[in-house]
């Protein structure tokens, strides 16, 4: 994904927009140059895993619910 990275400033909590890794690095370096000129860039890198909030655990739970509904409808 091209928009999977967001950087958070270690000094003030500023967050960059979601983007590529290189875009995020450039944005946080620019932020530090303007807001914290004598401090080396630091902070946290956030990684967005996907656009869907439902992973494999959700899929398994949904499958179990459907199976229970099928069993219940036969009795």
N, C-alpha and C. Protein backbone atom coordinates (compact mmCIF):
# COMPACT_ATOMS: atom_id res chain seq x y z
N UNK A 1 0.83 -1.19 0.00
CA UNK A 1 0.00 0.00 0.00
C UNK A 1 0.87 1.24 0.00
N UNK A 2 0.48 2.19 -0.77
CA UNK A 2 1.25 3.43 -0.89
C UNK A 2 1.01 4.35 0.31
N UNK A 3 -0.13 4.24 0.95
CA UNK A 3 -0.44 5.15 2.05
C UNK A 3 -0.51 4.40 3.38
N UNK A 4 0.55 3.69 3.70
CA UNK A 4 0.55 2.84 4.88
C UNK A 4 1.36 3.38 6.05
N UNK A 5 2.03 4.50 5.89
CA UNK A 5 2.92 5.00 6.93
C UNK A 5 2.51 6.39 7.40
N UNK A 6 2.62 6.59 8.72
CA UNK A 6 2.41 7.91 9.32
C UNK A 6 3.44 8.07 10.43
N UNK A 7 4.06 9.22 10.49
CA UNK A 7 5.10 9.48 11.48
C UNK A 7 4.57 10.43 12.53
N UNK A 8 4.94 10.17 13.79
CA UNK A 8 4.53 11.03 14.90
C UNK A 8 5.77 11.62 15.54
N UNK A 9 5.77 12.93 15.72
CA UNK A 9 6.90 13.65 16.31
C UNK A 9 7.10 13.21 17.76
N UNK A 10 8.35 13.00 18.14
CA UNK A 10 8.66 12.61 19.51
C UNK A 10 8.69 13.78 20.48
N UNK A 11 8.65 14.99 19.95
CA UNK A 11 8.74 16.18 20.80
C UNK A 11 7.37 16.78 21.11
N UNK A 12 6.51 16.88 20.08
CA UNK A 12 5.24 17.60 20.28
C UNK A 12 4.00 16.78 19.89
N UNK A 13 4.18 15.57 19.37
CA UNK A 13 3.03 14.75 19.02
C UNK A 13 2.46 15.03 17.64
N UNK A 14 3.07 15.92 16.87
CA UNK A 14 2.60 16.20 15.51
C UNK A 14 2.59 14.91 14.70
N UNK A 15 1.56 14.72 13.86
CA UNK A 15 1.47 13.55 13.01
C UNK A 15 1.48 13.96 11.55
N UNK A 16 2.21 13.18 10.74
CA UNK A 16 2.19 13.42 9.31
C UNK A 16 0.94 12.78 8.74
N UNK A 17 0.63 13.11 7.50
CA UNK A 17 -0.48 12.46 6.81
C UNK A 17 -0.06 11.03 6.44
N UNK A 18 -1.03 10.15 6.21
CA UNK A 18 -0.71 8.81 5.74
C UNK A 18 -0.10 8.92 4.35
N UNK A 19 0.95 8.17 4.11
CA UNK A 19 1.62 8.20 2.82
C UNK A 19 2.63 7.08 2.72
N UNK A 20 3.47 7.17 1.72
CA UNK A 20 4.52 6.17 1.58
C UNK A 20 5.57 6.39 2.67
N UNK A 21 6.44 5.42 2.83
CA UNK A 21 7.48 5.54 3.85
C UNK A 21 8.39 6.74 3.57
N UNK A 22 8.77 6.92 2.32
CA UNK A 22 9.66 8.04 2.00
C UNK A 22 8.96 9.39 2.16
N UNK A 23 7.66 9.46 1.84
CA UNK A 23 6.92 10.71 2.04
C UNK A 23 6.84 11.06 3.52
N UNK A 24 6.60 10.06 4.35
CA UNK A 24 6.52 10.27 5.79
C UNK A 24 7.84 10.72 6.37
N UNK A 25 8.93 10.08 5.92
CA UNK A 25 10.25 10.48 6.40
C UNK A 25 10.55 11.93 6.04
N UNK A 26 10.24 12.30 4.82
CA UNK A 26 10.48 13.68 4.37
C UNK A 26 9.63 14.66 5.17
N UNK A 27 8.37 14.31 5.40
CA UNK A 27 7.47 15.21 6.13
C UNK A 27 7.93 15.41 7.57
N UNK A 28 8.37 14.33 8.23
CA UNK A 28 8.80 14.49 9.63
C UNK A 28 10.13 15.23 9.70
N UNK A 29 11.00 15.04 8.72
CA UNK A 29 12.26 15.79 8.68
C UNK A 29 11.99 17.29 8.48
N UNK A 30 11.04 17.61 7.61
CA UNK A 30 10.66 19.01 7.39
C UNK A 30 10.07 19.61 8.67
N UNK A 31 9.22 18.84 9.34
CA UNK A 31 8.62 19.30 10.59
C UNK A 31 9.70 19.60 11.63
N UNK A 32 10.64 18.68 11.79
CA UNK A 32 11.71 18.89 12.76
C UNK A 32 12.57 20.10 12.39
N UNK A 33 12.83 20.28 11.10
CA UNK A 33 13.65 21.42 10.67
C UNK A 33 12.98 22.75 11.03
N UNK A 34 11.65 22.81 10.93
CA UNK A 34 10.93 24.06 11.23
C UNK A 34 10.62 24.22 12.72
N UNK A 35 10.19 23.17 13.38
CA UNK A 35 9.72 23.28 14.76
C UNK A 35 10.78 22.95 15.81
N UNK A 36 11.69 22.05 15.48
CA UNK A 36 12.70 21.59 16.44
C UNK A 36 14.07 21.55 15.75
N UNK A 37 14.61 22.71 15.36
CA UNK A 37 15.78 22.75 14.48
C UNK A 37 17.05 22.14 15.04
N UNK A 38 17.22 22.08 16.33
CA UNK A 38 18.48 21.58 16.89
C UNK A 38 18.33 20.18 17.48
N UNK A 39 17.25 19.48 17.11
CA UNK A 39 17.00 18.13 17.62
C UNK A 39 16.93 17.18 16.43
N UNK A 40 17.56 16.02 16.58
CA UNK A 40 17.51 15.00 15.53
C UNK A 40 16.10 14.43 15.45
N UNK A 41 15.58 14.21 14.24
CA UNK A 41 14.23 13.65 14.10
C UNK A 41 14.07 12.33 14.84
N UNK A 42 12.95 12.19 15.51
CA UNK A 42 12.64 10.98 16.25
C UNK A 42 11.14 10.81 16.33
N UNK A 43 10.70 9.94 17.18
CA UNK A 43 9.27 9.73 17.35
C UNK A 43 8.89 8.30 17.01
N UNK A 44 7.68 8.14 16.53
CA UNK A 44 7.11 6.82 16.29
C UNK A 44 6.63 6.73 14.85
N UNK A 45 6.83 5.57 14.25
CA UNK A 45 6.29 5.29 12.92
C UNK A 45 5.08 4.40 13.10
N UNK A 46 3.94 4.82 12.56
CA UNK A 46 2.73 4.00 12.60
C UNK A 46 2.57 3.32 11.25
N UNK A 47 2.14 2.08 11.26
CA UNK A 47 1.92 1.33 10.03
C UNK A 47 0.48 0.88 9.98
N UNK A 48 -0.22 1.24 8.92
CA UNK A 48 -1.62 0.84 8.74
C UNK A 48 -1.62 -0.49 8.01
N UNK A 49 -2.18 -1.52 8.64
CA UNK A 49 -2.13 -2.87 8.08
C UNK A 49 -3.07 -3.09 6.92
N UNK A 50 -4.18 -2.44 6.90
CA UNK A 50 -5.12 -2.62 5.80
C UNK A 50 -6.34 -1.75 6.00
N UNK A 51 -7.13 -1.64 4.98
CA UNK A 51 -8.31 -0.79 5.07
C UNK A 51 -9.45 -1.48 5.79
N UNK A 52 -9.42 -2.79 5.88
CA UNK A 52 -10.48 -3.53 6.53
C UNK A 52 -10.16 -3.74 7.99
N UNK A 53 -11.13 -3.51 8.86
CA UNK A 53 -10.93 -3.73 10.28
C UNK A 53 -11.22 -5.15 10.70
N UNK A 54 -11.62 -5.98 9.77
CA UNK A 54 -12.01 -7.35 10.08
C UNK A 54 -10.93 -8.30 9.57
N UNK A 55 -10.24 -8.95 10.50
CA UNK A 55 -9.18 -9.88 10.11
C UNK A 55 -9.69 -11.30 10.08
N UNK A 56 -8.78 -12.25 10.18
CA UNK A 56 -9.16 -13.66 10.10
C UNK A 56 -9.99 -14.09 11.30
N UNK A 57 -9.77 -13.48 12.46
CA UNK A 57 -10.58 -13.82 13.64
C UNK A 57 -12.04 -13.48 13.44
N UNK A 58 -12.28 -12.36 12.79
CA UNK A 58 -13.65 -11.95 12.50
C UNK A 58 -14.30 -12.91 11.52
N UNK A 59 -13.54 -13.36 10.55
CA UNK A 59 -14.06 -14.29 9.55
C UNK A 59 -14.43 -15.62 10.19
N UNK A 60 -13.61 -16.10 11.11
CA UNK A 60 -13.91 -17.35 11.81
C UNK A 60 -15.17 -17.21 12.64
N UNK A 61 -15.31 -16.10 13.36
CA UNK A 61 -16.49 -15.87 14.18
C UNK A 61 -17.75 -15.80 13.32
N UNK A 62 -17.65 -15.15 12.17
CA UNK A 62 -18.78 -15.07 11.26
C UNK A 62 -19.16 -16.46 10.75
N UNK A 63 -18.17 -17.28 10.44
CA UNK A 63 -18.42 -18.65 9.98
C UNK A 63 -19.13 -19.48 11.04
N UNK A 64 -18.73 -19.32 12.30
CA UNK A 64 -19.37 -20.05 13.40
C UNK A 64 -20.81 -19.62 13.56
N UNK A 65 -21.07 -18.32 13.46
CA UNK A 65 -22.45 -17.81 13.59
C UNK A 65 -23.32 -18.38 12.47
N UNK A 66 -22.82 -18.39 11.24
CA UNK A 66 -23.58 -18.93 10.12
C UNK A 66 -23.84 -20.42 10.33
N UNK A 67 -22.84 -21.16 10.79
CA UNK A 67 -23.02 -22.58 11.05
C UNK A 67 -24.07 -22.82 12.12
N UNK A 68 -24.05 -22.02 13.19
CA UNK A 68 -25.06 -22.15 14.24
C UNK A 68 -26.45 -21.82 13.73
N UNK A 69 -26.57 -20.84 12.86
CA UNK A 69 -27.88 -20.50 12.29
C UNK A 69 -28.40 -21.64 11.41
N UNK A 70 -27.53 -22.27 10.65
CA UNK A 70 -27.94 -23.40 9.81
C UNK A 70 -28.41 -24.56 10.69
N UNK A 71 -27.68 -24.86 11.76
CA UNK A 71 -28.06 -25.95 12.65
C UNK A 71 -29.39 -25.62 13.34
N UNK A 72 -29.55 -24.39 13.80
CA UNK A 72 -30.78 -23.99 14.49
C UNK A 72 -31.98 -24.02 13.55
N UNK A 73 -31.79 -23.72 12.28
CA UNK A 73 -32.93 -23.69 11.38
C UNK A 73 -33.41 -25.09 11.00
N UNK A 74 -32.60 -26.10 11.22
CA UNK A 74 -32.99 -27.48 10.91
C UNK A 74 -33.75 -28.15 12.03
N UNK A 75 -33.76 -27.56 13.20
CA UNK A 75 -34.45 -28.19 14.35
C UNK A 75 -35.75 -27.55 14.61
